C-alpha atoms as a PDB file:
ATOM      1  CA  UNK A   1      11.389 125.420 104.637  1.00  0.00           C
ATOM      2  CA  UNK A   2      14.874 124.025 106.050  1.00  0.00           C
ATOM      3  CA  UNK A   3      17.958 125.764 104.633  1.00  0.00           C
ATOM      4  CA  UNK A   4      21.531 124.468 104.407  1.00  0.00           C
ATOM      5  CA  UNK A   5      24.966 126.462 104.354  1.00  0.00           C
ATOM      6  CA  UNK A   6      28.064 125.974 102.737  1.00  0.00           C
ATOM      7  CA  UNK A   7      31.512 127.411 103.845  1.00  0.00           C
ATOM      8  CA  UNK A   8      34.623 127.815 101.944  1.00  0.00           C
ATOM      9  CA  UNK A   9      36.971 128.634 104.469  1.00  0.00           C
ATOM     10  CA  UNK A  10      40.122 130.969 103.733  1.00  0.00           C
ATOM     11  CA  UNK A  11      42.850 132.464 106.123  1.00  0.00           C
ATOM     12  CA  UNK A  12      41.216 135.639 106.278  1.00  0.00           C
ATOM     13  CA  UNK A  13      37.598 135.637 104.919  1.00  0.00           C
ATOM     14  CA  UNK A  14      35.523 132.673 104.380  1.00  0.00           C
ATOM     15  CA  UNK A  15      32.269 132.445 101.447  1.00  0.00           C
ATOM     16  CA  UNK A  16      29.346 131.406 102.653  1.00  0.00           C
ATOM     17  CA  UNK A  17      26.229 130.286 100.750  1.00  0.00           C
ATOM     18  CA  UNK A  18      23.046 129.389 102.137  1.00  0.00           C
ATOM     19  CA  UNK A  19      20.090 127.513 100.071  1.00  0.00           C
ATOM     20  CA  UNK A  20      17.052 126.490 100.714  1.00  0.00           C
ATOM     21  CA  UNK A  21      15.459 122.844 100.156  1.00  0.00           C
ATOM     22  CA  UNK A  22      14.873 123.263  96.367  1.00  0.00           C
ATOM     23  CA  UNK A  23      18.476 124.640  95.974  1.00  0.00           C
ATOM     24  CA  UNK A  24      17.671 127.977  95.625  1.00  0.00           C
ATOM     25  CA  UNK A  25      20.260 130.539  96.515  1.00  0.00           C
ATOM     26  CA  UNK A  26      19.051 132.522  99.519  1.00  0.00           C
ATOM     27  CA  UNK A  27      21.787 134.550 100.962  1.00  0.00           C
ATOM     28  CA  UNK A  28      25.675 134.848  99.796  1.00  0.00           C
ATOM     29  CA  UNK A  29      28.461 136.822 101.902  1.00  0.00           C
ATOM     30  CA  UNK A  30      31.896 136.788 103.010  1.00  0.00           C
ATOM     31  CA  UNK A  31      32.635 136.583 106.963  1.00  0.00           C
ATOM     32  CA  UNK A  32      35.742 136.848 109.068  1.00  0.00           C
ATOM     33  CA  UNK A  33      37.320 133.038 109.194  1.00  0.00           C
ATOM     34  CA  UNK A  34      36.546 133.100 113.339  1.00  0.00           C
ATOM     35  CA  UNK A  35      34.040 131.048 115.144  1.00  0.00           C
ATOM     36  CA  UNK A  36      32.905 134.236 116.907  1.00  0.00           C
ATOM     37  CA  UNK A  37      32.135 136.051 113.529  1.00  0.00           C
ATOM     38  CA  UNK A  38      30.623 133.058 111.952  1.00  0.00           C
ATOM     39  CA  UNK A  39      28.221 132.185 115.034  1.00  0.00           C
ATOM     40  CA  UNK A  40      27.125 135.774 115.031  1.00  0.00           C
ATOM     41  CA  UNK A  41      26.220 136.102 111.101  1.00  0.00           C
ATOM     42  CA  UNK A  42      24.335 132.572 111.677  1.00  0.00           C
ATOM     43  CA  UNK A  43      22.655 133.934 114.902  1.00  0.00           C
ATOM     44  CA  UNK A  44      21.788 136.985 113.096  1.00  0.00           C
ATOM     45  CA  UNK A  45      19.806 135.259 110.326  1.00  0.00           C
ATOM     46  CA  UNK A  46      16.211 135.332 109.841  1.00  0.00           C
ATOM     47  CA  UNK A  47      16.145 131.961 108.197  1.00  0.00           C
ATOM     48  CA  UNK A  48      17.020 128.524 110.122  1.00  0.00           C
ATOM     49  CA  UNK A  49      19.854 126.693 109.015  1.00  0.00           C
ATOM     50  CA  UNK A  50      19.461 122.910 109.292  1.00  0.00           C
ATOM     51  CA  UNK A  51      22.996 122.099 108.676  1.00  0.00           C
ATOM     52  CA  UNK A  52      26.509 123.788 108.171  1.00  0.00           C
ATOM     53  CA  UNK A  53      29.108 122.229 106.129  1.00  0.00           C
ATOM     54  CA  UNK A  54      32.711 123.142 105.526  1.00  0.00           C
ATOM     55  CA  UNK A  55      35.633 121.317 103.656  1.00  0.00           C
ATOM     56  CA  UNK A  56      38.237 119.665 106.022  1.00  0.00           C
ATOM     57  CA  UNK A  57      41.403 121.625 105.971  1.00  0.00           C
ATOM     58  CA  UNK A  58      43.868 123.077 108.793  1.00  0.00           C
ATOM     59  CA  UNK A  59      41.275 125.711 110.015  1.00  0.00           C
ATOM     60  CA  UNK A  60      38.061 123.862 109.657  1.00  0.00           C
ATOM     61  CA  UNK A  61      38.627 121.779 112.897  1.00  0.00           C
ATOM     62  CA  UNK A  62      38.523 124.989 114.844  1.00  0.00           C
ATOM     63  CA  UNK A  63      35.650 126.498 113.293  1.00  0.00           C
ATOM     64  CA  UNK A  64      33.820 123.301 113.421  1.00  0.00           C
ATOM     65  CA  UNK A  65      34.722 123.061 117.274  1.00  0.00           C
ATOM     66  CA  UNK A  66      33.338 126.453 117.782  1.00  0.00           C
ATOM     67  CA  UNK A  67      30.075 126.021 115.651  1.00  0.00           C
ATOM     68  CA  UNK A  68      29.001 122.920 117.080  1.00  0.00           C
ATOM     69  CA  UNK A  69      29.591 124.229 120.585  1.00  0.00           C
ATOM     70  CA  UNK A  70      27.164 127.108 119.837  1.00  0.00           C
ATOM     71  CA  UNK A  71      24.528 124.617 119.100  1.00  0.00           C
ATOM     72  CA  UNK A  72      24.780 124.584 114.765  1.00  0.00           C
ATOM     73  CA  UNK A  73      24.683 121.017 113.224  1.00  0.00           C
ATOM     74  CA  UNK A  74      28.232 121.479 111.399  1.00  0.00           C
ATOM     75  CA  UNK A  75      29.871 118.697 109.635  1.00  0.00           C
ATOM     76  CA  UNK A  76      33.457 118.173 108.018  1.00  0.00           C
ATOM     77  CA  UNK A  77      33.214 117.149 104.371  1.00  0.00           C
ATOM     78  CA  UNK A  78      35.518 114.899 102.946  1.00  0.00           C
ATOM     79  CA  UNK A  79      38.106 116.624 101.079  1.00  0.00           C
ATOM     80  CA  UNK A  80      38.447 114.051  97.871  1.00  0.00           C
ATOM     81  CA  UNK A  81      34.563 113.945  97.783  1.00  0.00           C
ATOM     82  CA  UNK A  82      34.353 117.796  97.517  1.00  0.00           C
ATOM     83  CA  UNK A  83      36.787 117.922  94.927  1.00  0.00           C
ATOM     84  CA  UNK A  84      35.362 115.478  92.888  1.00  0.00           C
ATOM     85  CA  UNK A  85      32.165 117.155  92.888  1.00  0.00           C
ATOM     86  CA  UNK A  86      33.246 120.592  92.026  1.00  0.00           C
ATOM     87  CA  UNK A  87      35.736 119.500  89.324  1.00  0.00           C
ATOM     88  CA  UNK A  88      32.766 119.887  86.389  1.00  0.00           C
ATOM     89  CA  UNK A  89      32.801 123.675  87.273  1.00  0.00           C
ATOM     90  CA  UNK A  90      35.064 125.416  84.610  1.00  0.00           C
ATOM     91  CA  UNK A  91      35.166 128.689  86.670  1.00  0.00           C
ATOM     92  CA  UNK A  92      36.709 127.931  90.254  1.00  0.00           C
ATOM     93  CA  UNK A  93      36.248 130.800  92.920  1.00  0.00           C
ATOM     94  CA  UNK A  94      35.646 130.511  96.580  1.00  0.00           C
ATOM     95  CA  UNK A  95      31.978 131.946  96.031  1.00  0.00           C
ATOM     96  CA  UNK A  96      31.286 128.983  93.498  1.00  0.00           C
ATOM     97  CA  UNK A  97      33.111 126.573  95.884  1.00  0.00           C
ATOM     98  CA  UNK A  98      30.630 127.772  98.969  1.00  0.00           C
ATOM     99  CA  UNK A  99      27.775 127.316  96.421  1.00  0.00           C
ATOM    100  CA  UNK A 100      29.059 123.752  95.741  1.00  0.00           C
ATOM    101  CA  UNK A 101      29.278 122.951  99.689  1.00  0.00           C
ATOM    102  CA  UNK A 102      25.990 124.274 100.216  1.00  0.00           C
ATOM    103  CA  UNK A 103      24.178 121.992  97.303  1.00  0.00           C
ATOM    104  CA  UNK A 104      26.172 118.746  98.546  1.00  0.00           C
ATOM    105  CA  UNK A 105      24.971 119.445 102.065  1.00  0.00           C
ATOM    106  CA  UNK A 106      21.616 119.867 100.903  1.00  0.00           C
ATOM    107  CA  UNK A 107      21.817 116.728  98.959  1.00  0.00           C
ATOM    108  CA  UNK A 108      23.421 114.416 101.345  1.00  0.00           C
ATOM    109  CA  UNK A 109      26.014 113.555  98.515  1.00  0.00           C
ATOM    110  CA  UNK A 110      28.771 113.652 100.995  1.00  0.00           C
ATOM    111  CA  UNK A 111      30.961 111.685 103.432  1.00  0.00           C
ATOM    112  CA  UNK A 112      31.651 113.492 106.914  1.00  0.00           C
ATOM    113  CA  UNK A 113      35.024 113.694 108.450  1.00  0.00           C
ATOM    114  CA  UNK A 114      35.747 112.875 112.353  1.00  0.00           C
ATOM    115  CA  UNK A 115      36.620 115.979 113.951  1.00  0.00           C
ATOM    116  CA  UNK A 116      39.163 115.017 116.308  1.00  0.00           C
ATOM    117  CA  UNK A 117      39.140 115.789 120.180  1.00  0.00           C
ATOM    118  CA  UNK A 118      41.053 118.716 121.624  1.00  0.00           C
ATOM    119  CA  UNK A 119      43.211 116.272 123.201  1.00  0.00           C
ATOM    120  CA  UNK A 120      44.200 114.302 120.179  1.00  0.00           C
ATOM    121  CA  UNK A 121      44.903 117.421 117.966  1.00  0.00           C
ATOM    122  CA  UNK A 122      47.444 118.646 120.789  1.00  0.00           C
ATOM    123  CA  UNK A 123      49.391 115.148 120.763  1.00  0.00           C
ATOM    124  CA  UNK A 124      49.158 115.387 116.925  1.00  0.00           C
ATOM    125  CA  UNK A 125      50.774 118.572 116.816  1.00  0.00           C
ATOM    126  CA  UNK A 126      53.747 117.280 118.796  1.00  0.00           C
ATOM    127  CA  UNK A 127      54.203 114.351 116.612  1.00  0.00           C
ATOM    128  CA  UNK A 128      54.286 116.750 113.805  1.00  0.00           C
ATOM    129  CA  UNK A 129      56.860 119.061 115.142  1.00  0.00           C
ATOM    130  CA  UNK A 130      59.026 116.311 116.384  1.00  0.00           C
ATOM    131  CA  UNK A 131      58.766 114.764 112.723  1.00  0.00           C
ATOM    132  CA  UNK A 132      59.916 118.191 111.418  1.00  0.00           C
ATOM    133  CA  UNK A 133      62.703 118.621 113.711  1.00  0.00           C
ATOM    134  CA  UNK A 134      64.179 115.116 113.156  1.00  0.00           C
ATOM    135  CA  UNK A 135      63.821 115.675 109.188  1.00  0.00           C
ATOM    136  CA  UNK A 136      65.833 119.293 109.646  1.00  0.00           C
ATOM    137  CA  UNK A 137      68.528 117.481 112.099  1.00  0.00           C
ATOM    138  CA  UNK A 138      69.207 114.858 109.327  1.00  0.00           C
ATOM    139  CA  UNK A 139      69.288 117.483 106.563  1.00  0.00           C
ATOM    140  CA  UNK A 140      71.837 119.205 108.219  1.00  0.00           C
ATOM    141  CA  UNK A 141      73.871 116.065 108.933  1.00  0.00           C
ATOM    142  CA  UNK A 142      73.565 115.245 105.291  1.00  0.00           C
ATOM    143  CA  UNK A 143      74.625 118.615 104.250  1.00  0.00           C
ATOM    144  CA  UNK A 144      77.556 118.357 106.441  1.00  0.00           C
ATOM    145  CA  UNK A 145      78.563 115.078 104.983  1.00  0.00           C
ATOM    146  CA  UNK A 146      78.120 116.451 101.542  1.00  0.00           C
ATOM    147  CA  UNK A 147      80.498 119.535 101.942  1.00  0.00           C
ATOM    148  CA  UNK A 148      83.137 117.512 103.629  1.00  0.00           C
ATOM    149  CA  UNK A 149      82.889 114.898 100.822  1.00  0.00           C
ATOM    150  CA  UNK A 150      83.733 117.629  98.069  1.00  0.00           C
ATOM    151  CA  UNK A 151      87.173 118.163  99.646  1.00  0.00           C
ATOM    152  CA  UNK A 152      87.673 114.203  99.750  1.00  0.00           C
ATOM    153  CA  UNK A 153      86.847 114.060 103.493  1.00  0.00           C
ATOM    154  CA  UNK A 154      84.703 111.244 104.180  1.00  0.00           C
ATOM    155  CA  UNK A 155      82.750 111.046 107.854  1.00  0.00           C
ATOM    156  CA  UNK A 156      82.297 107.204 107.361  1.00  0.00           C
ATOM    157  CA  UNK A 157      80.227 105.340 109.627  1.00  0.00           C
ATOM    158  CA  UNK A 158      79.453 107.174 112.888  1.00  0.00           C
ATOM    159  CA  UNK A 159      76.747 107.232 115.586  1.00  0.00           C
ATOM    160  CA  UNK A 160      75.097 110.473 116.280  1.00  0.00           C
ATOM    161  CA  UNK A 161      76.757 111.020 119.779  1.00  0.00           C
ATOM    162  CA  UNK A 162      80.376 110.931 117.722  1.00  0.00           C
ATOM    163  CA  UNK A 163      79.365 112.688 114.484  1.00  0.00           C
ATOM    164  CA  UNK A 164      80.323 116.156 115.917  1.00  0.00           C
ATOM    165  CA  UNK A 165      84.038 115.300 117.232  1.00  0.00           C
ATOM    166  CA  UNK A 166      84.048 113.169 113.816  1.00  0.00           C
ATOM    167  CA  UNK A 167      83.195 116.480 111.636  1.00  0.00           C
ATOM    168  CA  UNK A 168      85.579 118.777 113.678  1.00  0.00           C
ATOM    169  CA  UNK A 169      88.388 116.164 113.477  1.00  0.00           C
ATOM    170  CA  UNK A 170      88.152 116.275 109.614  1.00  0.00           C
ATOM    171  CA  UNK A 171      87.903 119.721 109.458  1.00  0.00           C
ATOM    172  CA  UNK A 172      91.397 120.442 111.254  1.00  0.00           C
ATOM    173  CA  UNK A 173      93.923 122.939 109.290  1.00  0.00           C
ATOM    174  CA  UNK A 174      91.093 124.212 107.145  1.00  0.00           C
ATOM    175  CA  UNK A 175      90.084 127.641 108.168  1.00  0.00           C
ATOM    176  CA  UNK A 176      87.042 128.064 105.994  1.00  0.00           C
ATOM    177  CA  UNK A 177      85.842 124.670 106.565  1.00  0.00           C
ATOM    178  CA  UNK A 178      86.255 125.072 110.108  1.00  0.00           C
ATOM    179  CA  UNK A 179      84.021 128.225 110.251  1.00  0.00           C
ATOM    180  CA  UNK A 180      81.329 126.503 107.916  1.00  0.00           C
ATOM    181  CA  UNK A 181      81.383 123.270 110.581  1.00  0.00           C
ATOM    182  CA  UNK A 182      81.111 125.424 113.412  1.00  0.00           C
ATOM    183  CA  UNK A 183      77.914 127.150 112.288  1.00  0.00           C
ATOM    184  CA  UNK A 184      76.468 123.751 111.122  1.00  0.00           C
ATOM    185  CA  UNK A 185      77.493 121.956 114.067  1.00  0.00           C
ATOM    186  CA  UNK A 186      75.746 124.735 116.068  1.00  0.00           C
ATOM    187  CA  UNK A 187      72.379 124.457 114.114  1.00  0.00           C
ATOM    188  CA  UNK A 188      72.957 120.517 114.562  1.00  0.00           C
ATOM    189  CA  UNK A 189      73.114 120.762 118.510  1.00  0.00           C
ATOM    190  CA  UNK A 190      70.069 122.924 118.804  1.00  0.00           C
ATOM    191  CA  UNK A 191      68.186 121.146 116.360  1.00  0.00           C
ATOM    192  CA  UNK A 192      69.254 117.676 118.629  1.00  0.00           C
ATOM    193  CA  UNK A 193      68.488 119.232 121.661  1.00  0.00           C
ATOM    194  CA  UNK A 194      64.760 120.447 120.867  1.00  0.00           C
ATOM    195  CA  UNK A 195      64.170 117.117 119.062  1.00  0.00           C
ATOM    196  CA  UNK A 196      65.135 115.085 122.194  1.00  0.00           C
ATOM    197  CA  UNK A 197      63.038 117.388 124.278  1.00  0.00           C
ATOM    198  CA  UNK A 198      59.910 116.468 122.208  1.00  0.00           C
ATOM    199  CA  UNK A 199      60.725 113.121 121.998  1.00  0.00           C
ATOM    200  CA  UNK A 200      60.896 112.609 125.987  1.00  0.00           C
ATOM    201  CA  UNK A 201      57.437 114.467 126.053  1.00  0.00           C
ATOM    202  CA  UNK A 202      56.268 111.962 123.564  1.00  0.00           C
ATOM    203  CA  UNK A 203      57.516 109.061 125.720  1.00  0.00           C
ATOM    204  CA  UNK A 204      56.111 110.704 128.949  1.00  0.00           C
ATOM    205  CA  UNK A 205      52.486 111.071 127.149  1.00  0.00           C
ATOM    206  CA  UNK A 206      52.884 107.285 126.302  1.00  0.00           C
ATOM    207  CA  UNK A 207      53.793 106.125 129.496  1.00  0.00           C
ATOM    208  CA  UNK A 208      50.858 107.618 131.098  1.00  0.00           C
ATOM    209  CA  UNK A 209      48.327 106.383 128.705  1.00  0.00           C
ATOM    210  CA  UNK A 210      46.495 103.012 129.317  1.00  0.00           C
ATOM    211  CA  UNK A 211      45.615 102.451 125.643  1.00  0.00           C
ATOM    212  CA  UNK A 212      48.997 103.048 124.262  1.00  0.00           C
ATOM    213  CA  UNK A 213      50.539 100.695 126.827  1.00  0.00           C
ATOM    214  CA  UNK A 214      47.974  98.138 125.787  1.00  0.00           C
ATOM    215  CA  UNK A 215      48.810  98.376 122.100  1.00  0.00           C
ATOM    216  CA  UNK A 216      52.385  98.387 122.601  1.00  0.00           C
ATOM    217  CA  UNK A 217      51.874  94.385 123.863  1.00  0.00           C
ATOM    218  CA  UNK A 218      51.408  93.609 120.039  1.00  0.00           C
ATOM    219  CA  UNK A 219      54.841  92.677 118.456  1.00  0.00           C
ATOM    220  CA  UNK A 220      56.451  95.527 116.172  1.00  0.00           C
ATOM    221  CA  UNK A 221      54.366  98.366 118.103  1.00  0.00           C
ATOM    222  CA  UNK A 222      56.466 100.934 120.068  1.00  0.00           C
ATOM    223  CA  UNK A 223      55.531 104.119 121.606  1.00  0.00           C
ATOM    224  CA  UNK A 224      55.586 106.036 118.291  1.00  0.00           C
ATOM    225  CA  UNK A 225      53.411 103.731 116.716  1.00  0.00           C
ATOM    226  CA  UNK A 226      50.922 103.440 119.629  1.00  0.00           C
ATOM    227  CA  UNK A 227      50.453 106.964 119.989  1.00  0.00           C
ATOM    228  CA  UNK A 228      50.388 107.732 116.121  1.00  0.00           C
ATOM    229  CA  UNK A 229      47.381 105.081 115.921  1.00  0.00           C
ATOM    230  CA  UNK A 230      45.728 106.373 118.611  1.00  0.00           C
ATOM    231  CA  UNK A 231      45.421 110.251 118.066  1.00  0.00           C
ATOM    232  CA  UNK A 232      44.413 109.286 114.825  1.00  0.00           C
ATOM    233  CA  UNK A 233      41.476 106.831 115.431  1.00  0.00           C
ATOM    234  CA  UNK A 234      40.559 109.243 118.777  1.00  0.00           C
ATOM    235  CA  UNK A 235      37.332 107.483 118.889  1.00  0.00           C
ATOM    236  CA  UNK A 236      37.364 103.985 118.100  1.00  0.00           C
ATOM    237  CA  UNK A 237      33.710 103.204 118.194  1.00  0.00           C
ATOM    238  CA  UNK A 238      33.363 105.383 115.140  1.00  0.00           C
ATOM    239  CA  UNK A 239      34.406 102.184 112.968  1.00  0.00           C
ATOM    240  CA  UNK A 240      32.058  99.697 113.248  1.00  0.00           C
ATOM    241  CA  UNK A 241      34.157  97.119 111.533  1.00  0.00           C
ATOM    242  CA  UNK A 242      37.746  96.929 112.380  1.00  0.00           C
ATOM    243  CA  UNK A 243      38.539  95.654 108.901  1.00  0.00           C
ATOM    244  CA  UNK A 244      37.595  99.097 107.478  1.00  0.00           C
ATOM    245  CA  UNK A 245      40.727 100.238 109.053  1.00  0.00           C
ATOM    246  CA  UNK A 246      43.146  99.278 106.309  1.00  0.00           C
ATOM    247  CA  UNK A 247      40.922 101.495 103.841  1.00  0.00           C
ATOM    248  CA  UNK A 248      40.666 104.454 106.333  1.00  0.00           C
ATOM    249  CA  UNK A 249      44.584 104.472 105.871  1.00  0.00           C
ATOM    250  CA  UNK A 250      44.983 103.662 102.335  1.00  0.00           C
ATOM    251  CA  UNK A 251      46.170 100.197 102.800  1.00  0.00           C
ATOM    252  CA  UNK A 252      43.708  98.563 100.747  1.00  0.00           C
ATOM    253  CA  UNK A 253      44.298  97.887  96.784  1.00  0.00           C
ATOM    254  CA  UNK A 254      42.929 100.294  94.170  1.00  0.00           C
ATOM    255  CA  UNK A 255      39.952  98.734  92.052  1.00  0.00           C
ATOM    256  CA  UNK A 256      39.004  99.825  88.553  1.00  0.00           C
ATOM    257  CA  UNK A 257      36.043  97.788  86.922  1.00  0.00           C
ATOM    258  CA  UNK A 258      34.237  98.799  84.039  1.00  0.00           C
ATOM    259  CA  UNK A 259      32.813  96.319  81.467  1.00  0.00           C
ATOM    260  CA  UNK A 260      35.554  93.824  80.517  1.00  0.00           C
ATOM    261  CA  UNK A 261      38.004  96.157  82.178  1.00  0.00           C
ATOM    262  CA  UNK A 262      39.125  94.962  85.612  1.00  0.00           C
ATOM    263  CA  UNK A 263      42.124  96.272  87.081  1.00  0.00           C
ATOM    264  CA  UNK A 264      43.429  95.758  90.904  1.00  0.00           C
ATOM    265  CA  UNK A 265      46.381  98.248  91.462  1.00  0.00           C
ATOM    266  CA  UNK A 266      48.506  99.149  94.593  1.00  0.00           C
ATOM    267  CA  UNK A 267      47.215 100.377  97.713  1.00  0.00           C
ATOM    268  CA  UNK A 268      45.045 103.664  97.522  1.00  0.00           C
ATOM    269  CA  UNK A 269      47.674 105.806  99.945  1.00  0.00           C
ATOM    270  CA  UNK A 270      44.355 107.850 100.906  1.00  0.00           C
ATOM    271  CA  UNK A 271      43.603 109.285 104.574  1.00  0.00           C
ATOM    272  CA  UNK A 272      46.488 109.794 107.127  1.00  0.00           C
ATOM    273  CA  UNK A 273      49.971 109.040 105.596  1.00  0.00           C
ATOM    274  CA  UNK A 274      51.703 109.390 109.412  1.00  0.00           C
ATOM    275  CA  UNK A 275      49.556 106.575 110.438  1.00  0.00           C
ATOM    276  CA  UNK A 276      50.447 104.712 107.003  1.00  0.00           C
ATOM    277  CA  UNK A 277      53.986 105.092 107.639  1.00  0.00           C
ATOM    278  CA  UNK A 278      53.841 104.358 111.119  1.00  0.00           C
ATOM    279  CA  UNK A 279      51.881 100.641 110.458  1.00  0.00           C
ATOM    280  CA  UNK A 280      54.158  99.819 107.635  1.00  0.00           C
ATOM    281  CA  UNK A 281      57.292 100.397 109.988  1.00  0.00           C
ATOM    282  CA  UNK A 282      55.834  98.156 112.729  1.00  0.00           C
ATOM    283  CA  UNK A 283      55.303  95.479 109.909  1.00  0.00           C
ATOM    284  CA  UNK A 284      59.066  95.691 108.930  1.00  0.00           C
ATOM    285  CA  UNK A 285      60.368  95.485 112.712  1.00  0.00           C
ATOM    286  CA  UNK A 286      57.848  92.574 113.046  1.00  0.00           C
ATOM    287  CA  UNK A 287      59.416  90.608 109.870  1.00  0.00           C
ATOM    288  CA  UNK A 288      62.938  91.772 110.371  1.00  0.00           C
ATOM    289  CA  UNK A 289      63.535  92.410 114.361  1.00  0.00           C
ATOM    290  CA  UNK A 290      61.211  90.934 116.508  1.00  0.00           C
ATOM    291  CA  UNK A 291      62.859  87.501 117.878  1.00  0.00           C
ATOM    292  CA  UNK A 292      59.673  86.045 119.440  1.00  0.00           C
ATOM    293  CA  UNK A 293      57.807  84.150 116.743  1.00  0.00           C
ATOM    294  CA  UNK A 294      53.880  84.240 116.507  1.00  0.00           C
ATOM    295  CA  UNK A 295      50.929  83.507 114.029  1.00  0.00           C
ATOM    296  CA  UNK A 296      51.267  86.810 112.971  1.00  0.00           C
ATOM    297  CA  UNK A 297      54.638  86.789 112.012  1.00  0.00           C
ATOM    298  CA  UNK A 298      54.230  83.437 110.325  1.00  0.00           C
ATOM    299  CA  UNK A 299      51.023  84.778 108.328  1.00  0.00           C
ATOM    300  CA  UNK A 300      53.550  87.576 107.265  1.00  0.00           C
ATOM    301  CA  UNK A 301      56.511  85.362 106.199  1.00  0.00           C
ATOM    302  CA  UNK A 302      54.171  82.922 104.210  1.00  0.00           C
ATOM    303  CA  UNK A 303      52.683  86.222 102.109  1.00  0.00           C
ATOM    304  CA  UNK A 304      56.412  87.245 101.492  1.00  0.00           C
ATOM    305  CA  UNK A 305      57.179  83.883 100.121  1.00  0.00           C
ATOM    306  CA  UNK A 306      54.327  83.914  97.648  1.00  0.00           C
ATOM    307  CA  UNK A 307      54.061  87.736  96.750  1.00  0.00           C
ATOM    308  CA  UNK A 308      57.430  89.263  97.934  1.00  0.00           C
ATOM    309  CA  UNK A 309      58.807  91.462 101.122  1.00  0.00           C
ATOM    310  CA  UNK A 310      57.476  94.484 100.099  1.00  0.00           C
ATOM    311  CA  UNK A 311      53.621  93.574  99.375  1.00  0.00           C
ATOM    312  CA  UNK A 312      54.107  91.225 102.642  1.00  0.00           C
ATOM    313  CA  UNK A 313      54.801  94.540 104.687  1.00  0.00           C
ATOM    314  CA  UNK A 314      51.985  96.344 103.347  1.00  0.00           C
ATOM    315  CA  UNK A 315      49.436  93.294 103.964  1.00  0.00           C
ATOM    316  CA  UNK A 316      50.980  92.895 107.446  1.00  0.00           C
ATOM    317  CA  UNK A 317      50.562  96.651 108.250  1.00  0.00           C
ATOM    318  CA  UNK A 318      46.999  96.408 107.444  1.00  0.00           C
ATOM    319  CA  UNK A 319      46.475  93.375 109.315  1.00  0.00           C
ATOM    320  CA  UNK A 320      48.284  95.070 112.263  1.00  0.00           C
ATOM    321  CA  UNK A 321      46.040  98.332 111.977  1.00  0.00           C
ATOM    322  CA  UNK A 322      42.908  95.885 112.322  1.00  0.00           C
ATOM    323  CA  UNK A 323      44.298  94.108 115.043  1.00  0.00           C
ATOM    324  CA  UNK A 324      45.190  97.234 117.151  1.00  0.00           C
ATOM    325  CA  UNK A 325      41.688  98.431 116.741  1.00  0.00           C
ATOM    326  CA  UNK A 326      40.016  95.289 117.851  1.00  0.00           C
ATOM    327  CA  UNK A 327      42.109  95.113 121.082  1.00  0.00           C
ATOM    328  CA  UNK A 328      41.257  98.644 121.545  1.00  0.00           C
ATOM    329  CA  UNK A 329      37.529  98.104 121.172  1.00  0.00           C
ATOM    330  CA  UNK A 330      37.591  94.626 122.954  1.00  0.00           C
ATOM    331  CA  UNK A 331      40.260  95.422 125.930  1.00  0.00           C
ATOM    332  CA  UNK A 332      41.595  91.888 124.730  1.00  0.00           C
ATOM    333  CA  UNK A 333      45.617  90.877 124.778  1.00  0.00           C
ATOM    334  CA  UNK A 334      47.447  90.183 121.595  1.00  0.00           C
ATOM    335  CA  UNK A 335      47.412  86.451 121.448  1.00  0.00           C
ATOM    336  CA  UNK A 336      50.726  85.057 120.141  1.00  0.00           C
ATOM    337  CA  UNK A 337      49.625  81.499 118.872  1.00  0.00           C
ATOM    338  CA  UNK A 338      46.763  80.281 117.047  1.00  0.00           C
ATOM    339  CA  UNK A 339      44.745  78.663 120.117  1.00  0.00           C
ATOM    340  CA  UNK A 340      41.626  80.540 120.135  1.00  0.00           C
ATOM    341  CA  UNK A 341      42.097  81.675 116.756  1.00  0.00           C
ATOM    342  CA  UNK A 342      44.957  84.330 117.640  1.00  0.00           C
ATOM    343  CA  UNK A 343      43.997  86.642 114.991  1.00  0.00           C
ATOM    344  CA  UNK A 344      40.558  86.356 115.267  1.00  0.00           C
ATOM    345  CA  UNK A 345      40.508  90.373 115.562  1.00  0.00           C
ATOM    346  CA  UNK A 346      41.071  90.284 111.643  1.00  0.00           C
ATOM    347  CA  UNK A 347      37.593  88.932 110.738  1.00  0.00           C
ATOM    348  CA  UNK A 348      35.790  91.202 113.329  1.00  0.00           C
END
């Protein structure tokens, strides 16, 4: 008889539950959250485990990679599906969550999540770190502006290069403000230096990546959009139809239909927020900054006239994602005119 295992991953100890084909609990225990410990546990069992399931999370990809390399059939479960399936439980514990995951694996009522390659995970970590440093850098700059404004000192419009000199100029003659500015500007300089270092690393990766350079031939798609999209998709063949990219990154409308009620709402905003933001920024750049005209830009402008600029950017972001995926799969270049159906990628 085949058995199934569910693992509720925690930082130190993970709860493991094993059930048989009829749903009867065979074994429950806690195992250290480490691939070697889990591999040793499953190999030490006298019962064959057909499939192991883990809810997608920070440690899950690491554990998934270790178990898969050891020869176990392991799947990552979509977090929203697990939450919905286990929401009926009145008592929530790690032990009960492991039971629920094991039952989901047994019944097959789950959606598996793609486990990114090690290379994509590393680049993704770089992008997250770069974004964090940029956010902290902006926070420090806004704080300096706010502190000075309280004393009637206005920074005005300054470039990032001239920010330091302008702040010091405004603080001249005020000892306390000079001390505050000195400390905050020193922190700002460090953040700016480290951010620039990570940004240059990202650009170097993009220059050496043929796929990213190819995606950047599409209008509005720069280095950041290309590398973000590539690392999120990781394997383009895992998406059978390019039009599914919009739903994958939460750029398709919500739908609720029951009886006489039929409501179409805003976009779902599920999936990778970083990719969704990058595609939206690409759409914004295409409509506002790209000077060369294209059939894609004309389509976006037509949508803007009918539905408004904000909705047009969301629709255009969805279409750009679809086109990028089709360009990647087929190896084709972006077509600027309608000759030969310039946007045939969208219908793929």
